[in-house]
Every structure is written in C-alpha cells, then in structure tokens.
Amino acid sequence: MRHRKGGFKLGRNTSHRRALLRNLVTSIIINDRIHTTITKAKAARPLVERMITLGKNGSVHARRQALAYLMTPDSVDRLFSTVAPRYAERNGGYSRIVRTGPRKGDAGEMAYIELLGAEAELNEKAQKRAEARQRRREELQKQLEEQNAAAEGGEGNA
C-alpha cells in the first residue's frame, strides 16, 4: 500500500523520473510554456516554483544550486536574468496549468504548463513566427510565378 506516500511516480524508475523532471523544468524556464500530460505538469510545477525562488534569491549559492538541477547553463542565465526578476513582487504561484483535452493517440489528458506574465513574450514569439511564415510563403509564390513564366516562355519558342 502506498498510503501517505506523496509525489508522482510517472511509471518510471527513480533516475528516469529525475531526468524527465529536470528536462521539463529546463524547458519551461527556457520557453515559458510547454505542452505535456497533466500528471507531468503537476509533478514539474513545484520544481519550477523552487527554481524561480532560487532565482529571486540571486546569491552565488542559489545559482550553483540551480546549475546542479537545470540541464543547461543558458537556462540558469535566463532564470536569473529574465524569469526571476519578473516575479520580484510575487510570493509564489508563478505557474499555471491549462488543460487542453485528450491526446489523439492514446487519449492521455494534455495540458500547457506556463509561467505567469509570459504572455507578452509568447505573443511576440508567435508574431515573429507568423511573419517568417508569411515571408516564406511570399518567396515560394514568387518562385512559382517565375517558374510558370519560364515554362510559358519556353513553350512559345518550341
């Protein structure tokens, strides 16, 4: 019986579970939002909050503790320079879990786990992606028109 045994096992052994959660937390800090299962999001949430609290502390010891847990030095830099200052006036509750419905393959319940106050950055990223997509579409359209013009010119001469 697992009475009063807290935490999520996630169907993995200890080392695999630890690696999974470290990867999730690192991804959340780098990207501000990830799409995962609800159980994984609930398991990662307290760890993300702990990392942000370390970032708010800002000491060398806190930076080393974050480096020991997060997977990349870039994520630690972003945590201490961008993410933690965003929550300087807030005491906890830095993340939100938004359910998105069942996954298509196995009907696993999916959710976004995202950092609060990151909407501006996420909207900016989405805007940049849309602009890049539009530029690529225009370039492809221009290439198609040039190919069609060359093909029509070639048929008229033959």
C-alpha atoms as a PDB file:
ATOM      1  CA  MET A   1       0.000   0.000   0.000  1.00  0.00           C
ATOM      2  CA  ARG A   2       1.221   3.495  -0.818  1.00  0.00           C
ATOM      3  CA  HIS A   3      -0.652   5.270   1.932  1.00  0.00           C
ATOM      4  CA  ARG A   4       0.751   8.767   2.616  1.00  0.00           C
ATOM      5  CA  LYS A   5       3.484   8.384   0.006  1.00  0.00           C
ATOM      6  CA  GLY A   6       3.468  11.727  -1.782  1.00  0.00           C
ATOM      7  CA  GLY A   7       4.697  12.547  -5.254  1.00  0.00           C
ATOM      8  CA  PHE A   8       4.175  11.176  -8.722  1.00  0.00           C
ATOM      9  CA  LYS A   9       5.983   8.040  -9.897  1.00  0.00           C
ATOM     10  CA  LEU A  10       5.068   8.630 -13.556  1.00  0.00           C
ATOM     11  CA  GLY A  11       5.628   4.948 -14.395  1.00  0.00           C
ATOM     12  CA  ARG A  12       9.419   5.350 -14.356  1.00  0.00           C
ATOM     13  CA  ASN A  13      12.306   4.363 -12.147  1.00  0.00           C
ATOM     14  CA  THR A  14      13.966   6.997  -9.971  1.00  0.00           C
ATOM     15  CA  SER A  15      16.762   8.063 -12.311  1.00  0.00           C
ATOM     16  CA  HIS A  16      14.469   8.240 -15.358  1.00  0.00           C
ATOM     17  CA  ARG A  17      11.866  10.234 -13.414  1.00  0.00           C
ATOM     18  CA  ARG A  18      14.520  12.670 -12.147  1.00  0.00           C
ATOM     19  CA  ALA A  19      15.910  13.170 -15.666  1.00  0.00           C
ATOM     20  CA  LEU A  20      12.400  13.687 -17.093  1.00  0.00           C
ATOM     21  CA  LEU A  21      11.530  16.317 -14.493  1.00  0.00           C
ATOM     22  CA  ARG A  22      14.876  18.102 -14.926  1.00  0.00           C
ATOM     23  CA  ASN A  23      14.250  18.282 -18.679  1.00  0.00           C
ATOM     24  CA  LEU A  24      10.691  19.557 -18.178  1.00  0.00           C
ATOM     25  CA  VAL A  25      11.785  22.270 -15.730  1.00  0.00           C
ATOM     26  CA  THR A  26      14.626  23.367 -18.015  1.00  0.00           C
ATOM     27  CA  SER A  27      12.241  23.561 -20.983  1.00  0.00           C
ATOM     28  CA  ILE A  28       9.697  25.581 -19.019  1.00  0.00           C
ATOM     29  CA  ILE A  29      12.329  28.108 -17.960  1.00  0.00           C
ATOM     30  CA  ILE A  30      13.711  28.448 -21.490  1.00  0.00           C
ATOM     31  CA  ASN A  31      10.384  28.514 -23.388  1.00  0.00           C
ATOM     32  CA  ASP A  32       7.929  29.897 -20.760  1.00  0.00           C
ATOM     33  CA  ARG A  33       5.377  27.246 -21.827  1.00  0.00           C
ATOM     34  CA  ILE A  34       5.365  23.545 -22.672  1.00  0.00           C
ATOM     35  CA  HIS A  35       2.663  21.092 -23.729  1.00  0.00           C
ATOM     36  CA  THR A  36       2.707  17.869 -21.714  1.00  0.00           C
ATOM     37  CA  THR A  37       0.442  15.498 -19.804  1.00  0.00           C
ATOM     38  CA  ILE A  38      -1.413  16.822 -16.779  1.00  0.00           C
ATOM     39  CA  THR A  39       0.377  14.452 -14.401  1.00  0.00           C
ATOM     40  CA  LYS A  40       3.812  15.522 -15.620  1.00  0.00           C
ATOM     41  CA  ALA A  41       2.783  19.169 -15.381  1.00  0.00           C
ATOM     42  CA  LYS A  42       1.603  18.680 -11.792  1.00  0.00           C
ATOM     43  CA  ALA A  43       4.857  16.910 -10.925  1.00  0.00           C
ATOM     44  CA  ALA A  44       7.005  19.642 -12.519  1.00  0.00           C
ATOM     45  CA  ARG A  45       5.138  22.616 -11.055  1.00  0.00           C
ATOM     46  CA  PRO A  46       6.692  22.628  -7.538  1.00  0.00           C
ATOM     47  CA  LEU A  47      10.155  22.188  -9.044  1.00  0.00           C
ATOM     48  CA  VAL A  48       9.658  25.175 -11.371  1.00  0.00           C
ATOM     49  CA  GLU A  49       8.457  27.268  -8.448  1.00  0.00           C
ATOM     50  CA  ARG A  50      11.513  26.241  -6.399  1.00  0.00           C
ATOM     51  CA  MET A  51      13.862  27.234  -9.253  1.00  0.00           C
ATOM     52  CA  ILE A  52      12.202  30.649  -9.559  1.00  0.00           C
ATOM     53  CA  THR A  53      12.542  31.136  -5.802  1.00  0.00           C
ATOM     54  CA  LEU A  54      16.265  30.347  -6.137  1.00  0.00           C
ATOM     55  CA  GLY A  55      16.438  32.873  -8.966  1.00  0.00           C
ATOM     56  CA  LYS A  56      14.799  35.521  -6.802  1.00  0.00           C
ATOM     57  CA  ASN A  57      17.401  34.867  -4.073  1.00  0.00           C
ATOM     58  CA  GLY A  58      20.127  35.692  -6.590  1.00  0.00           C
ATOM     59  CA  SER A  59      23.094  34.568  -4.471  1.00  0.00           C
ATOM     60  CA  VAL A  60      26.045  32.601  -5.813  1.00  0.00           C
ATOM     61  CA  HIS A  61      24.935  29.602  -3.765  1.00  0.00           C
ATOM     62  CA  ALA A  62      21.427  29.774  -5.287  1.00  0.00           C
ATOM     63  CA  ARG A  63      22.955  29.987  -8.783  1.00  0.00           C
ATOM     64  CA  ARG A  64      25.044  26.883  -8.077  1.00  0.00           C
ATOM     65  CA  GLN A  65      22.008  25.019  -6.758  1.00  0.00           C
ATOM     66  CA  ALA A  66      20.089  25.916  -9.927  1.00  0.00           C
ATOM     67  CA  LEU A  67      23.062  24.847 -12.072  1.00  0.00           C
ATOM     68  CA  ALA A  68      23.104  21.495 -10.277  1.00  0.00           C
ATOM     69  CA  TYR A  69      19.461  20.888 -11.228  1.00  0.00           C
ATOM     70  CA  LEU A  70      18.876  22.593 -14.590  1.00  0.00           C
ATOM     71  CA  MET A  71      20.309  20.961 -17.689  1.00  0.00           C
ATOM     72  CA  THR A  72      21.965  23.901 -19.453  1.00  0.00           C
ATOM     73  CA  PRO A  73      23.902  26.982 -18.321  1.00  0.00           C
ATOM     74  CA  ASP A  74      21.743  29.055 -20.713  1.00  0.00           C
ATOM     75  CA  SER A  75      18.634  28.125 -18.729  1.00  0.00           C
ATOM     76  CA  VAL A  76      20.309  29.240 -15.493  1.00  0.00           C
ATOM     77  CA  ASP A  77      21.269  32.568 -17.066  1.00  0.00           C
ATOM     78  CA  ARG A  78      17.719  33.082 -18.302  1.00  0.00           C
ATOM     79  CA  LEU A  79      16.304  32.105 -14.908  1.00  0.00           C
ATOM     80  CA  PHE A  80      18.394  34.662 -13.035  1.00  0.00           C
ATOM     81  CA  SER A  81      18.309  37.479 -15.607  1.00  0.00           C
ATOM     82  CA  THR A  82      14.797  37.287 -17.113  1.00  0.00           C
ATOM     83  CA  VAL A  83      12.415  34.938 -15.326  1.00  0.00           C
ATOM     84  CA  ALA A  84      13.081  35.606 -11.627  1.00  0.00           C
ATOM     85  CA  PRO A  85      13.022  39.443 -11.845  1.00  0.00           C
ATOM     86  CA  ARG A  86       9.550  39.145 -13.429  1.00  0.00           C
ATOM     87  CA  TYR A  87       8.260  37.797 -10.082  1.00  0.00           C
ATOM     88  CA  ALA A  88      10.145  40.081  -7.676  1.00  0.00           C
ATOM     89  CA  GLU A  89       6.905  41.369  -6.113  1.00  0.00           C
ATOM     90  CA  ARG A  90       5.126  37.994  -6.076  1.00  0.00           C
ATOM     91  CA  ASN A  91       5.212  35.409  -3.278  1.00  0.00           C
ATOM     92  CA  GLY A  92       4.742  32.067  -5.013  1.00  0.00           C
ATOM     93  CA  GLY A  93       2.251  30.923  -7.635  1.00  0.00           C
ATOM     94  CA  TYR A  94       4.498  31.573 -10.634  1.00  0.00           C
ATOM     95  CA  SER A  95       2.995  28.959 -12.958  1.00  0.00           C
ATOM     96  CA  ARG A  96      -0.368  27.909 -14.335  1.00  0.00           C
ATOM     97  CA  ILE A  97      -1.621  24.598 -15.730  1.00  0.00           C
ATOM     98  CA  VAL A  98      -4.172  24.899 -18.552  1.00  0.00           C
ATOM     99  CA  ARG A  99      -5.875  21.699 -19.668  1.00  0.00           C
ATOM    100  CA  THR A 100      -6.125  21.198 -23.429  1.00  0.00           C
ATOM    101  CA  GLY A 101      -8.094  17.953 -23.722  1.00  0.00           C
ATOM    102  CA  PRO A 102      -7.173  14.400 -24.668  1.00  0.00           C
ATOM    103  CA  ARG A 103      -4.187  13.456 -26.826  1.00  0.00           C
ATOM    104  CA  LYS A 104      -5.167  11.980 -30.177  1.00  0.00           C
ATOM    105  CA  GLY A 105      -3.173   8.729 -29.978  1.00  0.00           C
ATOM    106  CA  ASP A 106      -3.925   7.358 -26.517  1.00  0.00           C
ATOM    107  CA  ALA A 107      -6.422   9.873 -25.054  1.00  0.00           C
ATOM    108  CA  GLY A 108      -3.957  10.961 -22.370  1.00  0.00           C
ATOM    109  CA  GLU A 109      -5.093  14.232 -20.772  1.00  0.00           C
ATOM    110  CA  MET A 110      -2.844  17.030 -22.027  1.00  0.00           C
ATOM    111  CA  ALA A 111      -2.122  20.479 -20.639  1.00  0.00           C
ATOM    112  CA  TYR A 112       0.055  23.541 -21.026  1.00  0.00           C
ATOM    113  CA  ILE A 113       2.198  24.454 -18.058  1.00  0.00           C
ATOM    114  CA  GLU A 114       3.227  28.068 -18.419  1.00  0.00           C
ATOM    115  CA  LEU A 115       4.799  30.839 -16.421  1.00  0.00           C
ATOM    116  CA  LEU A 116       2.502  33.692 -15.472  1.00  0.00           C
ATOM    117  CA  GLY A 117       3.239  37.057 -17.030  1.00  0.00           C
ATOM    118  CA  ALA A 118       4.973  35.490 -20.032  1.00  0.00           C
ATOM    119  CA  GLU A 119       2.095  36.240 -22.395  1.00  0.00           C
ATOM    120  CA  ALA A 120       3.851  39.260 -23.907  1.00  0.00           C
ATOM    121  CA  GLU A 121       6.944  37.217 -24.791  1.00  0.00           C
ATOM    122  CA  LEU A 122       4.878  34.300 -26.087  1.00  0.00           C
ATOM    123  CA  ASN A 123       2.771  36.632 -28.253  1.00  0.00           C
ATOM    124  CA  GLU A 124       5.943  38.276 -29.579  1.00  0.00           C
ATOM    125  CA  LYS A 125       7.405  34.867 -30.495  1.00  0.00           C
ATOM    126  CA  ALA A 126       4.155  33.863 -32.212  1.00  0.00           C
ATOM    127  CA  GLN A 127       4.139  37.165 -34.145  1.00  0.00           C
ATOM    128  CA  LYS A 128       7.723  36.586 -35.337  1.00  0.00           C
ATOM    129  CA  ARG A 129       6.849  33.041 -36.418  1.00  0.00           C
ATOM    130  CA  ALA A 130       3.821  34.305 -38.350  1.00  0.00           C
ATOM    131  CA  GLU A 131       5.920  36.987 -40.090  1.00  0.00           C
ATOM    132  CA  ALA A 132       8.604  34.446 -41.031  1.00  0.00           C
ATOM    133  CA  ARG A 133       5.922  32.070 -42.319  1.00  0.00           C
ATOM    134  CA  GLN A 134       4.421  34.884 -44.405  1.00  0.00           C
ATOM    135  CA  ARG A 135       7.842  35.797 -45.887  1.00  0.00           C
ATOM    136  CA  ARG A 136       8.498  32.154 -46.814  1.00  0.00           C
ATOM    137  CA  ARG A 137       5.061  31.918 -48.412  1.00  0.00           C
ATOM    138  CA  GLU A 138       5.692  35.069 -50.481  1.00  0.00           C
ATOM    139  CA  GLU A 139       9.119  33.798 -51.601  1.00  0.00           C
ATOM    140  CA  LEU A 140       7.628  30.463 -52.669  1.00  0.00           C
ATOM    141  CA  GLN A 141       4.850  32.253 -54.523  1.00  0.00           C
ATOM    142  CA  LYS A 142       7.413  34.414 -56.333  1.00  0.00           C
ATOM    143  CA  GLN A 143       9.448  31.335 -57.300  1.00  0.00           C
ATOM    144  CA  LEU A 144       6.344  29.589 -58.613  1.00  0.00           C
ATOM    145  CA  GLU A 145       5.439  32.623 -60.719  1.00  0.00           C
ATOM    146  CA  GLU A 146       8.986  32.765 -62.151  1.00  0.00           C
ATOM    147  CA  GLN A 147       8.882  29.047 -62.986  1.00  0.00           C
ATOM    148  CA  ASN A 148       5.490  29.389 -64.636  1.00  0.00           C
ATOM    149  CA  ALA A 149       6.693  32.406 -66.652  1.00  0.00           C
ATOM    150  CA  ALA A 150       9.832  30.490 -67.767  1.00  0.00           C
ATOM    151  CA  ALA A 151       7.742  27.429 -68.683  1.00  0.00           C
ATOM    152  CA  GLU A 152       5.283  29.512 -70.728  1.00  0.00           C
ATOM    153  CA  GLY A 153       8.126  31.323 -72.482  1.00  0.00           C
ATOM    154  CA  GLY A 154       9.801  28.014 -73.296  1.00  0.00           C
ATOM    155  CA  GLU A 155       6.617  26.539 -74.784  1.00  0.00           C
ATOM    156  CA  GLY A 156       6.081  29.540 -77.069  1.00  0.00           C
ATOM    157  CA  ASN A 157       9.569  29.199 -78.634  1.00  0.00           C
ATOM    158  CA  ALA A 158       9.359  25.465 -79.268  1.00  0.00           C
END
